[in-house]
Amino acid sequence: MRSRAGANPFSVGEPDETVDRIVRFLRTHSERIGARHLVIGMSGGLDSSVTAALCSKALGGQRTLGFCLPEAETRSRRSVQDAQEVAGQFGIKFKTLDMTSLVQDAATVLHPSRMMYSVIAHGNVKSRLRAMILYYFANTSKGLVVGTGDKSEIMLGYFTKYGDGACDIQPIADLYKSAVRDIARHLGLPRRIFSKPSSPELWPGQIAEDELGLEYSKLDSILWRLERWMPPREISDELRIPRRTVEKVRIRWLKSEHKRRPPLSIKLGFRTAGQDLRIPYSL
């Protein structure tokens, strides 16, 4: 089975329509549940910048609360400036909160070592502290926490459970990273926003593509075909990528399914919350 993919299946052919659909999605859901604000963490990176811009278009800059949350170990003045520039461009209410003391307090209790598993675990603590801060301001402003995850990273499980994966709504979750770059260009974001390497900034020198083992353009090409249930052998032949590379991406996708679902529960009663007891938002 051939994929019938065009030269660039991720190019957003009708960017105005795509942006309009996302804006209506954000606006309709906010109105339905009575949210006054959209709360978003702004790192100065591609995904958060595009998401923040879309939030501003949906509810206006004064109802979009952007928070930049640097900390000493990974602080980048350039990233903070990029976040500030995007906030200014779209009239977003913006605040920088240094969370170094929170991270240090957590380290005092947890005593992280330099072993890689401990570095990762401590990085996840930082991500969850960011989520805690965003939810605090969402609670105090009657707001929704807006997730910034794109389809590439969600499919790969490349996010922290209850950290940057913690949110109430995800406007770009069905756009691959390559498509998000298209939207960034369409929205007129500064070029460096969508050309610099992506990083969760959980420890010094962390680069997403280095961790994932492939550049996003190749990852997206594999994921796009896996989404369509193409066998790894055919993906390998079509893209001229080693089969073991395709299999590695496929295994990561499958093994991270638990991160995309509600916590597993056993069914003991007539209806089980979150499974077959799901109430429409409109009620």
Protein backbone atom coordinates (compact mmCIF):
# COMPACT_ATOMS: atom_id res chain seq x y z
CA MET A 1 0.00 0.00 0.00
CA ARG A 2 1.41 3.35 -1.03
CA SER A 3 0.72 6.38 1.15
CA ARG A 4 -0.09 8.68 -1.80
CA ALA A 5 1.53 11.49 0.15
CA GLY A 6 2.18 14.65 -1.77
CA ALA A 7 5.52 16.43 -1.80
CA ASN A 8 4.64 18.00 1.56
CA PRO A 9 1.58 16.49 3.27
CA PHE A 10 2.05 18.88 6.21
CA SER A 11 1.72 22.10 4.28
CA VAL A 12 -1.40 23.91 5.47
CA GLY A 13 -3.20 24.57 2.19
CA GLU A 14 -5.84 26.87 3.67
CA PRO A 15 -4.17 28.53 6.66
CA ASP A 16 -6.94 31.11 7.09
CA GLU A 17 -9.52 28.34 7.39
CA THR A 18 -7.35 26.33 9.80
CA VAL A 19 -6.76 29.35 12.02
CA ASP A 20 -10.45 30.23 11.90
CA ARG A 21 -11.47 26.71 12.95
CA ILE A 22 -9.06 26.73 15.90
CA VAL A 23 -10.18 30.20 16.97
CA ARG A 24 -13.83 29.12 16.88
CA PHE A 25 -12.93 25.98 18.83
CA LEU A 26 -11.28 28.02 21.59
CA ARG A 27 -14.01 30.64 21.66
CA THR A 28 -16.92 28.18 21.63
CA HIS A 29 -15.50 26.01 24.40
CA SER A 30 -14.66 29.02 26.56
CA GLU A 31 -18.17 30.42 26.16
CA ARG A 32 -19.78 27.06 26.80
CA ILE A 33 -18.19 26.63 30.21
CA GLY A 34 -18.06 30.33 31.13
CA ALA A 35 -14.28 30.79 31.15
CA ARG A 36 -13.12 34.39 31.36
CA HIS A 37 -9.48 33.84 30.47
CA LEU A 38 -7.15 31.50 28.61
CA VAL A 39 -3.98 30.78 30.61
CA ILE A 40 -0.86 29.68 28.79
CA GLY A 41 2.80 29.08 29.55
CA MET A 42 4.93 31.03 27.07
CA SER A 43 8.48 29.74 26.61
CA GLY A 44 9.33 31.71 23.49
CA GLY A 45 9.27 28.48 21.48
CA LEU A 46 7.27 27.58 18.39
CA ASP A 47 4.33 25.69 19.91
CA SER A 48 3.63 28.03 22.80
CA SER A 49 3.99 31.13 20.60
CA VAL A 50 1.55 29.83 17.98
CA THR A 51 -0.89 28.72 20.67
CA ALA A 52 -0.71 32.06 22.47
CA ALA A 53 -1.36 33.92 19.22
CA LEU A 54 -4.41 31.74 18.53
CA CYS A 55 -5.71 32.34 22.05
CA SER A 56 -5.43 36.08 21.53
CA LYS A 57 -7.32 35.84 18.26
CA ALA A 58 -10.04 33.81 20.00
CA LEU A 59 -10.68 35.89 23.15
CA GLY A 60 -8.46 38.94 22.71
CA GLY A 61 -5.13 39.75 24.30
CA GLN A 62 -6.62 41.10 27.53
CA ARG A 63 -8.30 37.75 28.18
CA THR A 64 -5.18 35.76 27.34
CA LEU A 65 -2.79 35.42 30.29
CA GLY A 66 0.72 34.44 29.25
CA PHE A 67 3.24 33.33 31.85
CA CYS A 68 6.95 32.88 31.23
CA LEU A 69 8.41 30.63 33.95
CA PRO A 70 12.22 30.63 33.82
CA GLU A 71 14.46 29.06 36.44
CA ALA A 72 18.18 29.37 37.09
CA GLU A 73 19.39 26.08 35.60
CA THR A 74 17.88 26.55 32.14
CA ARG A 75 17.15 30.29 32.00
CA SER A 76 17.60 31.81 28.55
CA ARG A 77 17.35 35.57 28.21
CA ARG A 78 16.70 35.13 24.48
CA SER A 79 13.74 32.81 25.15
CA VAL A 80 12.21 35.26 27.63
CA GLN A 81 12.64 38.10 25.12
CA ASP A 82 11.02 35.99 22.39
CA ALA A 83 8.03 35.27 24.63
CA GLN A 84 7.74 38.97 25.48
CA GLU A 85 7.87 39.93 21.81
CA VAL A 86 5.09 37.51 20.85
CA ALA A 87 2.98 38.72 23.78
CA GLY A 88 3.47 42.32 22.67
CA GLN A 89 2.69 41.49 19.04
CA PHE A 90 -0.68 39.98 19.99
CA GLY A 91 -1.54 42.24 22.94
CA ILE A 92 -1.34 39.39 25.47
CA LYS A 93 -1.26 40.13 29.20
CA PHE A 94 2.19 38.82 30.02
CA LYS A 95 4.09 38.13 33.20
CA THR A 96 7.48 36.58 33.94
CA LEU A 97 7.69 34.59 37.17
CA ASP A 98 11.05 33.21 38.24
CA MET A 99 10.41 29.75 39.70
CA THR A 100 14.00 29.10 40.80
CA SER A 101 13.08 29.07 44.50
CA LEU A 102 10.36 26.47 43.90
CA VAL A 103 12.76 24.24 41.98
CA GLN A 104 15.43 24.61 44.67
CA ASP A 105 12.94 23.81 47.43
CA ALA A 106 11.91 20.66 45.55
CA ALA A 107 15.57 19.67 45.14
CA THR A 108 16.14 20.18 48.86
CA VAL A 109 13.45 17.62 49.59
CA LEU A 110 14.18 15.17 46.75
CA HIS A 111 18.01 15.33 46.56
CA PRO A 112 18.29 14.56 42.81
CA SER A 113 21.54 12.91 41.72
CA ARG A 114 23.45 13.32 38.46
CA MET A 115 22.33 9.93 37.20
CA MET A 116 20.32 10.30 33.99
CA TYR A 117 17.14 8.76 35.42
CA SER A 118 17.33 11.28 38.27
CA VAL A 119 17.98 14.17 35.86
CA ILE A 120 14.88 13.20 33.89
CA ALA A 121 12.80 12.80 37.05
CA HIS A 122 13.93 16.22 38.31
CA GLY A 123 13.16 17.72 34.90
CA ASN A 124 9.64 16.31 35.17
CA VAL A 125 9.31 17.96 38.59
CA LYS A 126 10.06 21.32 36.92
CA SER A 127 7.40 20.67 34.30
CA ARG A 128 4.84 19.81 36.98
CA LEU A 129 5.73 22.91 38.96
CA ARG A 130 5.02 24.96 35.85
CA ALA A 131 1.63 23.27 35.55
CA MET A 132 0.92 23.99 39.21
CA ILE A 133 1.59 27.71 38.65
CA LEU A 134 -0.57 27.87 35.53
CA TYR A 135 -3.46 26.14 37.29
CA TYR A 136 -3.16 28.52 40.23
CA PHE A 137 -3.70 31.49 37.94
CA ALA A 138 -6.43 29.66 36.03
CA ASN A 139 -8.22 29.05 39.34
CA THR A 140 -7.88 32.68 40.45
CA SER A 141 -8.96 34.15 37.09
CA LYS A 142 -11.72 31.73 36.14
CA GLY A 143 -9.55 30.58 33.29
CA LEU A 144 -8.69 27.52 31.25
CA VAL A 145 -5.14 26.19 31.02
CA VAL A 146 -4.34 25.89 27.33
CA GLY A 147 -2.02 23.07 26.28
CA THR A 148 0.73 23.76 23.74
CA GLY A 149 1.41 20.18 22.61
CA ASP A 150 1.51 19.45 18.88
CA LYS A 151 0.56 16.15 17.24
CA SER A 152 4.17 15.01 16.73
CA GLU A 153 5.06 15.29 20.40
CA ILE A 154 1.72 13.94 21.61
CA MET A 155 2.00 10.85 19.39
CA LEU A 156 5.55 10.24 20.61
CA GLY A 157 4.64 10.81 24.26
CA TYR A 158 7.25 13.56 24.32
CA PHE A 159 5.74 15.48 27.20
CA THR A 160 5.55 15.21 30.97
CA LYS A 161 2.48 13.51 32.33
CA TYR A 162 0.69 16.05 34.57
CA GLY A 163 3.34 18.57 33.55
CA ASP A 164 3.24 20.20 30.12
CA GLY A 165 0.66 17.52 29.32
CA ALA A 166 -1.68 18.94 31.97
CA CYS A 167 -4.26 21.24 30.40
CA ASP A 168 -7.95 21.83 29.79
CA ILE A 169 -7.89 22.32 26.04
CA GLN A 170 -5.36 21.61 23.27
CA PRO A 171 -5.81 23.76 20.15
CA ILE A 172 -2.84 22.48 18.10
CA ALA A 173 -2.96 18.82 19.16
CA ASP A 174 -3.99 17.72 15.66
CA LEU A 175 -1.23 19.63 13.85
CA TYR A 176 2.14 18.00 13.24
CA LYS A 177 5.18 20.11 14.14
CA SER A 178 5.79 20.80 10.44
CA ALA A 179 2.24 22.17 10.08
CA VAL A 180 2.62 24.32 13.21
CA ARG A 181 5.58 26.00 11.51
CA ASP A 182 3.32 26.76 8.55
CA ILE A 183 0.79 28.38 10.88
CA ALA A 184 3.57 30.37 12.57
CA ARG A 185 4.58 31.84 9.21
CA HIS A 186 0.97 32.62 8.38
CA LEU A 187 0.46 34.40 11.72
CA GLY A 188 3.52 36.54 11.08
CA LEU A 189 5.56 35.34 14.05
CA PRO A 190 9.24 36.32 14.10
CA ARG A 191 11.29 33.93 11.94
CA ARG A 192 13.59 32.90 14.79
CA ILE A 193 10.55 31.56 16.69
CA PHE A 194 9.95 28.83 14.13
CA SER A 195 13.53 28.28 13.02
CA LYS A 196 15.29 27.68 16.35
CA PRO A 197 15.61 24.14 17.79
CA SER A 198 12.71 23.03 20.00
CA SER A 199 13.46 22.32 23.66
CA PRO A 200 11.35 21.60 26.76
CA GLU A 201 14.13 23.39 28.74
CA LEU A 202 14.07 20.91 31.62
CA TRP A 203 17.86 20.63 31.88
CA PRO A 204 20.80 22.49 30.31
CA GLY A 205 21.47 21.78 26.64
CA GLN A 206 18.27 19.80 26.10
CA ILE A 207 17.29 19.71 22.41
CA ALA A 208 14.15 17.84 21.37
CA GLU A 209 15.45 16.44 18.08
CA ASP A 210 18.59 15.13 19.79
CA GLU A 211 16.49 13.23 22.30
CA LEU A 212 14.06 11.92 19.72
CA GLY A 213 16.87 10.83 17.43
CA LEU A 214 15.51 12.36 14.21
CA GLU A 215 14.67 15.79 12.86
CA TYR A 216 10.97 16.64 13.01
CA SER A 217 10.50 16.56 9.25
CA LYS A 218 11.48 12.87 9.18
CA LEU A 219 9.58 12.05 12.37
CA ASP A 220 6.45 13.66 10.96
CA SER A 221 6.80 11.70 7.72
CA ILE A 222 6.95 8.45 9.70
CA LEU A 223 4.14 9.37 12.10
CA TRP A 224 1.89 10.51 9.24
CA ARG A 225 2.18 7.06 7.71
CA LEU A 226 1.83 5.20 11.01
CA GLU A 227 -1.37 7.17 11.58
CA ARG A 228 -2.62 5.61 8.35
CA TRP A 229 -1.58 2.11 9.49
CA MET A 230 1.15 1.69 6.91
CA PRO A 231 3.42 -1.26 7.79
CA PRO A 232 6.95 -0.25 8.90
CA ARG A 233 8.50 -2.10 5.94
CA GLU A 234 6.52 0.00 3.45
CA ILE A 235 7.31 3.21 5.33
CA SER A 236 10.99 2.31 5.28
CA ASP A 237 10.92 1.61 1.53
CA GLU A 238 8.95 4.74 0.67
CA LEU A 239 11.00 7.15 2.78
CA ARG A 240 14.32 5.35 2.33
CA ILE A 241 14.79 5.30 6.08
CA PRO A 242 16.17 2.20 7.84
CA ARG A 243 13.39 -0.10 9.02
CA ARG A 244 14.85 -0.22 12.54
CA THR A 245 14.42 3.57 12.73
CA VAL A 246 10.78 3.32 11.71
CA GLU A 247 10.23 0.50 14.22
CA LYS A 248 11.81 2.57 16.97
CA VAL A 249 9.40 5.43 16.30
CA ARG A 250 6.46 3.01 16.11
CA ILE A 251 7.37 1.38 19.44
CA ARG A 252 7.71 4.76 21.12
CA TRP A 253 4.27 5.72 19.82
CA LEU A 254 2.64 2.53 21.06
CA LYS A 255 4.38 2.44 24.44
CA SER A 256 3.37 6.03 25.26
CA GLU A 257 -0.37 5.39 24.86
CA HIS A 258 -0.83 5.52 28.65
CA LYS A 259 0.19 9.19 28.58
CA ARG A 260 -2.65 10.05 26.21
CA ARG A 261 -5.43 8.38 28.21
CA PRO A 262 -7.15 8.95 31.56
CA PRO A 263 -5.78 6.85 34.43
CA LEU A 264 -6.62 3.17 34.03
CA SER A 265 -9.52 2.03 36.20
CA ILE A 266 -11.28 -1.26 36.78
CA LYS A 267 -14.95 -1.53 35.83
CA LEU A 268 -16.99 -2.70 38.82
CA GLY A 269 -20.30 -0.88 38.52
CA PHE A 270 -23.06 -0.15 36.01
CA ARG A 271 -21.31 2.86 34.50
CA THR A 272 -17.70 3.93 35.00
CA ALA A 273 -16.69 7.59 35.10
CA GLY A 274 -14.60 8.56 32.09
CA GLN A 275 -15.39 5.36 30.18
CA ASP A 276 -19.12 4.85 29.64
CA LEU A 277 -20.31 7.62 31.97
CA ARG A 278 -19.41 10.77 30.04
CA ILE A 279 -21.58 13.86 30.37
CA PRO A 280 -21.74 16.47 27.56
CA TYR A 281 -20.19 19.86 28.40
CA SER A 282 -23.46 21.58 27.53
CA LEU A 283 -25.36 20.10 30.49
